[in-house]
Amino acid sequence: MVATPVRSADLTDFEAGFPLGFHVGLPGMLVEYQCKRAAVGCGDASRCRRRSTASDARLRAHPVADGDHVVRSDIADRPTGAGVRFLLTKLVLLLLCMATGCNAGPKESSVKDAHQARNPYYSRADTTKLNVPDATWKKILPRDVYAVAREKDTEYAFTGKYWNFEGVGTYYCAVCGNRLFRSDAKFASSCGWPSFFAPSRPGAVTYQPDSSHGMNRTEVLCGRCGSHLGHLFDDGPPPTGKRYCMNSIVLEFEPDELTHPH
């Protein structure tokens, strides 16, 4: 039996997110085992084979190079009694995952709660302006949020989770919880970033000139914590003619049904 390497990107979203790190089928079905050294990749699939029976899903460890491979092989052996129990157990887990949606990403509320738990400055009720040094924010914020919010980085166009999002609700600052925009001020834009024609209230955001990258622009900052949100342009729709071009990574969305349940 020869194992052939495949990229982990070749797996389905469900397979790639399977919590046990390997994928089990019934006898005769395709089985894929993730290499123990997957963090650094499997450079030689010929030496990375599963053991001969389906009851033993361990891989022989060996030095590896770079890449991000998994090992794909077919079950060719008749499973033992232990193997049958092993397969049935995994099949039950698989069915439970399909029934409960275990591969779905974390819900917005759970991500928000986890973020708030480690951020003592986060509040959706307190509008007091914050004066927190970047050294402190760097310890609190996720790395990608910090890069945009405090270092004025920009996420790639068409990659943010809100650029074409159409949910009805409110957008908050991911750094401090300040209420920024309502979904009814959001409009479809071809720029690749979430765009709004007005903030949710006066003082929600502040502005300052930005001459970086050889351009003269207006930077938009959170009115409470001063974090970088994006830029303001004069090519938006009525009634304001403005386009608040924001980075998704520094926004948090809460749907109206969570705050105003029926």
Protein backbone atom coordinates (compact mmCIF):
# COMPACT_ATOMS: atom_id res chain seq x y z
CA MET A 1 0.00 0.00 0.00
CA VAL A 2 1.54 3.29 -1.09
CA ALA A 3 0.63 6.52 0.61
CA THR A 4 0.38 9.62 -1.54
CA PRO A 5 0.71 13.14 -0.17
CA VAL A 6 -1.99 15.75 -0.69
CA ARG A 7 -2.22 19.36 0.40
CA SER A 8 -4.41 19.98 3.43
CA ALA A 9 -6.21 22.53 1.25
CA ASP A 10 -7.48 19.57 -0.81
CA LEU A 11 -9.60 18.46 2.13
CA THR A 12 -13.14 19.67 2.51
CA ASP A 13 -13.88 22.32 5.13
CA PHE A 14 -15.48 19.65 7.28
CA GLU A 15 -12.48 17.33 7.02
CA ALA A 16 -9.97 20.08 7.71
CA GLY A 17 -11.82 21.02 10.87
CA PHE A 18 -12.32 17.51 12.25
CA PRO A 19 -11.27 17.82 15.90
CA LEU A 20 -9.39 14.55 16.25
CA GLY A 21 -6.83 15.31 13.58
CA PHE A 22 -7.56 12.33 11.35
CA HIS A 23 -10.51 11.20 9.25
CA VAL A 24 -11.98 7.75 9.43
CA GLY A 25 -14.30 5.94 7.02
CA LEU A 26 -15.79 2.49 6.87
CA PRO A 27 -13.76 -0.39 5.36
CA GLY A 28 -13.02 0.29 1.71
CA MET A 29 -13.54 4.03 2.03
CA LEU A 30 -10.86 6.66 1.80
CA VAL A 31 -9.05 7.34 5.05
CA GLU A 32 -6.87 10.38 5.67
CA TYR A 33 -4.50 10.67 8.59
CA GLN A 34 -2.85 13.93 9.52
CA CYS A 35 0.87 13.66 10.17
CA LYS A 36 1.92 14.21 13.78
CA ARG A 37 4.39 16.75 12.45
CA ALA A 38 1.74 18.64 10.43
CA ALA A 39 2.74 21.89 12.09
CA VAL A 40 5.95 21.82 10.07
CA GLY A 41 4.72 19.59 7.30
CA CYS A 42 5.38 16.13 5.95
CA GLY A 43 8.09 16.17 3.34
CA ASP A 44 8.27 12.44 2.66
CA ALA A 45 4.99 10.58 2.47
CA SER A 46 6.73 7.32 1.60
CA ARG A 47 8.01 7.10 5.17
CA CYS A 48 4.83 8.44 6.74
CA ARG A 49 2.45 5.50 6.57
CA ARG A 50 -0.24 4.28 8.86
CA ARG A 51 0.12 0.86 10.42
CA SER A 52 -1.37 -2.11 8.63
CA THR A 53 -4.68 -2.36 10.46
CA ALA A 54 -7.50 0.13 10.74
CA SER A 55 -7.43 -0.25 14.52
CA ASP A 56 -4.11 1.61 14.74
CA ALA A 57 -4.33 5.15 13.40
CA ARG A 58 -0.91 6.22 14.58
CA LEU A 59 1.68 7.39 12.12
CA ARG A 60 5.34 6.53 12.32
CA ALA A 61 7.10 9.76 13.29
CA HIS A 62 10.08 10.80 11.23
CA PRO A 63 12.05 13.98 10.50
CA VAL A 64 10.18 16.17 8.05
CA ALA A 65 10.89 19.18 5.91
CA ASP A 66 8.52 21.98 5.06
CA GLY A 67 5.06 22.06 3.50
CA ASP A 68 1.62 21.22 4.85
CA HIS A 69 0.87 17.67 3.83
CA VAL A 70 -1.37 14.97 5.12
CA VAL A 71 -1.19 11.32 4.18
CA ARG A 72 -3.98 9.82 2.15
CA SER A 73 -4.37 6.06 1.83
CA ASP A 74 -7.08 3.48 1.26
CA ILE A 75 -8.12 0.86 3.78
CA ALA A 76 -6.91 -2.40 2.33
CA ASP A 77 -6.94 -4.50 5.47
CA ARG A 78 -9.81 -6.35 7.04
CA PRO A 79 -10.43 -4.52 10.33
CA THR A 80 -10.10 -6.43 13.57
CA GLY A 81 -12.74 -6.35 16.30
CA ALA A 82 -10.96 -3.42 17.89
CA GLY A 83 -10.81 -1.79 14.50
CA VAL A 84 -14.56 -2.14 14.01
CA ARG A 85 -15.20 -0.54 17.39
CA PHE A 86 -12.76 2.22 16.50
CA LEU A 87 -14.52 2.91 13.20
CA LEU A 88 -17.99 2.83 14.74
CA THR A 89 -16.91 5.26 17.46
CA LYS A 90 -15.57 7.68 14.89
CA LEU A 91 -18.67 7.25 12.74
CA VAL A 92 -20.85 8.21 15.70
CA LEU A 93 -18.70 11.29 16.30
CA LEU A 94 -18.95 12.15 12.64
CA LEU A 95 -22.76 11.92 12.68
CA LEU A 96 -22.91 14.01 15.85
CA CYS A 97 -20.77 16.67 14.21
CA MET A 98 -23.03 16.73 11.17
CA ALA A 99 -26.13 17.00 13.37
CA THR A 100 -24.82 19.73 15.64
CA GLY A 101 -22.74 21.72 13.19
CA CYS A 102 -19.55 21.22 15.18
CA ASN A 103 -17.43 22.41 12.28
CA ALA A 104 -19.17 25.77 12.13
CA GLY A 105 -16.93 28.60 13.25
CA PRO A 106 -17.36 30.11 16.71
CA LYS A 107 -20.43 32.25 17.00
CA GLU A 108 -20.00 36.01 17.00
CA SER A 109 -21.20 36.25 20.59
CA SER A 110 -18.72 33.62 21.87
CA VAL A 111 -15.83 35.34 20.10
CA LYS A 112 -16.93 38.67 21.52
CA ASP A 113 -17.27 37.28 25.04
CA ALA A 114 -13.80 35.73 24.91
CA HIS A 115 -12.35 38.99 23.65
CA GLN A 116 -14.08 41.03 26.36
CA ALA A 117 -12.90 38.66 29.08
CA ARG A 118 -9.28 39.64 28.48
CA ASN A 119 -9.95 43.32 27.68
CA PRO A 120 -10.84 45.40 30.79
CA TYR A 121 -11.38 48.50 28.63
CA TYR A 122 -14.12 46.97 26.49
CA SER A 123 -17.62 48.36 27.12
CA ARG A 124 -20.64 49.02 24.94
CA ALA A 125 -22.19 51.31 27.54
CA ASP A 126 -19.28 53.46 28.69
CA THR A 127 -18.47 56.29 26.26
CA THR A 128 -15.65 57.78 28.36
CA LYS A 129 -12.63 58.46 26.18
CA LEU A 130 -9.71 56.13 26.76
CA ASN A 131 -6.03 57.02 26.92
CA VAL A 132 -4.41 53.60 26.90
CA PRO A 133 -0.79 53.28 25.68
CA ASP A 134 -0.04 51.02 22.74
CA ALA A 135 2.17 48.85 24.94
CA THR A 136 -0.92 47.94 26.96
CA TRP A 137 -3.12 47.38 23.90
CA LYS A 138 -0.47 45.10 22.46
CA LYS A 139 -0.79 42.80 25.47
CA ILE A 140 -4.58 42.74 25.25
CA LEU A 141 -5.53 42.69 21.58
CA PRO A 142 -5.17 39.83 19.11
CA ARG A 143 -2.18 40.41 16.86
CA ASP A 144 -4.20 41.07 13.68
CA VAL A 145 -6.53 43.51 15.45
CA TYR A 146 -3.58 45.36 16.98
CA ALA A 147 -1.83 45.66 13.61
CA VAL A 148 -4.78 47.51 12.06
CA ALA A 149 -6.11 49.36 15.11
CA ARG A 150 -2.86 50.64 16.56
CA GLU A 151 -0.30 50.32 13.76
CA LYS A 152 -2.68 51.56 11.04
CA ASP A 153 -2.31 48.48 8.90
CA THR A 154 -4.92 47.66 6.23
CA GLU A 155 -6.50 44.28 5.58
CA TYR A 156 -6.55 43.04 2.00
CA ALA A 157 -9.59 44.02 -0.07
CA PHE A 158 -12.36 41.41 -0.35
CA THR A 159 -10.96 39.39 2.56
CA GLY A 160 -12.73 40.94 5.55
CA LYS A 161 -15.77 39.17 6.97
CA TYR A 162 -18.04 42.20 6.62
CA TRP A 163 -17.19 43.62 3.19
CA ASN A 164 -20.32 42.07 1.59
CA PHE A 165 -22.15 41.18 4.78
CA GLU A 166 -25.87 42.07 4.84
CA GLY A 167 -26.90 41.38 8.43
CA VAL A 168 -29.24 43.80 10.21
CA GLY A 169 -27.76 45.19 13.39
CA THR A 170 -25.01 47.36 14.87
CA TYR A 171 -21.26 47.54 14.32
CA TYR A 172 -19.01 48.19 17.33
CA CYS A 173 -15.31 48.91 17.75
CA ALA A 174 -13.52 45.59 18.26
CA VAL A 175 -10.97 47.31 20.50
CA CYS A 176 -13.17 49.13 23.02
CA GLY A 177 -16.82 48.30 22.25
CA ASN A 178 -17.78 51.81 21.09
CA ARG A 179 -20.91 51.89 18.90
CA LEU A 180 -19.85 52.98 15.42
CA PHE A 181 -22.29 52.19 12.60
CA ARG A 182 -25.76 50.86 11.91
CA SER A 183 -26.40 48.36 9.15
CA ASP A 184 -28.95 50.67 7.51
CA ALA A 185 -26.06 53.04 6.72
CA LYS A 186 -24.06 50.27 5.04
CA PHE A 187 -24.09 50.07 1.26
CA ALA A 188 -22.72 47.79 -1.43
CA SER A 189 -19.35 49.04 -2.58
CA SER A 190 -16.95 47.64 -5.14
CA CYS A 191 -13.91 48.68 -3.10
CA GLY A 192 -13.71 45.38 -1.17
CA TRP A 193 -14.10 46.84 2.34
CA PRO A 194 -17.28 47.38 4.40
CA SER A 195 -18.58 50.84 3.54
CA PHE A 196 -21.02 53.14 5.32
CA PHE A 197 -22.40 56.57 4.45
CA ALA A 198 -22.67 57.80 8.06
CA PRO A 199 -21.69 56.83 11.63
CA SER A 200 -24.33 55.77 14.12
CA ARG A 201 -24.20 59.00 16.16
CA PRO A 202 -22.23 62.24 16.53
CA GLY A 203 -18.87 61.62 18.14
CA ALA A 204 -18.82 57.92 17.30
CA VAL A 205 -15.72 58.54 15.20
CA THR A 206 -13.08 61.25 14.86
CA TYR A 207 -10.95 62.35 11.94
CA GLN A 208 -7.40 63.39 11.18
CA PRO A 209 -5.39 64.12 8.02
CA ASP A 210 -3.38 61.23 6.62
CA SER A 211 -0.62 61.88 4.06
CA SER A 212 0.93 58.40 4.19
CA HIS A 213 1.76 56.40 1.06
CA GLY A 214 1.94 59.57 -1.02
CA MET A 215 -1.79 60.26 -0.71
CA ASN A 216 -3.84 62.91 1.03
CA ARG A 217 -6.69 61.18 2.83
CA THR A 218 -8.89 61.56 5.86
CA GLU A 219 -8.29 58.90 8.49
CA VAL A 220 -11.24 57.67 10.56
CA LEU A 221 -10.57 56.81 14.22
CA CYS A 222 -12.74 55.36 16.95
CA GLY A 223 -14.18 58.23 18.96
CA ARG A 224 -13.55 56.44 22.26
CA CYS A 225 -10.18 54.67 22.02
CA GLY A 226 -8.61 56.41 19.02
CA SER A 227 -8.00 53.19 17.11
CA HIS A 228 -7.57 53.31 13.36
CA LEU A 229 -10.73 52.16 11.55
CA GLY A 230 -10.16 53.18 7.93
CA HIS A 231 -10.59 56.25 5.74
CA LEU A 232 -13.31 58.65 4.61
CA PHE A 233 -13.94 59.43 0.95
CA ASP A 234 -16.31 61.76 -0.89
CA ASP A 235 -17.70 59.20 -3.33
CA GLY A 236 -20.50 57.70 -1.28
CA PRO A 237 -24.25 57.57 -1.94
CA PRO A 238 -26.95 60.00 -0.73
CA PRO A 239 -27.85 61.40 1.66
CA THR A 240 -24.28 62.25 2.76
CA GLY A 241 -22.19 61.51 -0.33
CA LYS A 242 -19.57 60.03 2.04
CA ARG A 243 -17.94 56.61 2.07
CA TYR A 244 -16.57 55.39 5.38
CA CYS A 245 -14.24 52.65 4.13
CA MET A 246 -13.58 50.47 7.16
CA ASN A 247 -11.48 47.42 8.04
CA SER A 248 -13.59 44.41 9.06
CA ILE A 249 -11.00 43.24 11.59
CA VAL A 250 -11.61 46.26 13.83
CA LEU A 251 -15.41 45.90 13.72
CA GLU A 252 -17.74 43.67 15.70
CA PHE A 253 -21.30 43.07 14.57
CA GLU A 254 -24.27 42.28 16.75
CA PRO A 255 -27.58 41.41 15.06
CA ASP A 256 -30.73 43.15 16.21
CA GLU A 257 -32.37 39.89 17.30
CA LEU A 258 -29.81 39.58 20.10
CA THR A 259 -30.54 43.02 21.52
CA HIS A 260 -34.22 43.20 20.55
CA PRO A 261 -35.57 39.64 20.64
CA HIS A 262 -39.14 39.07 19.49
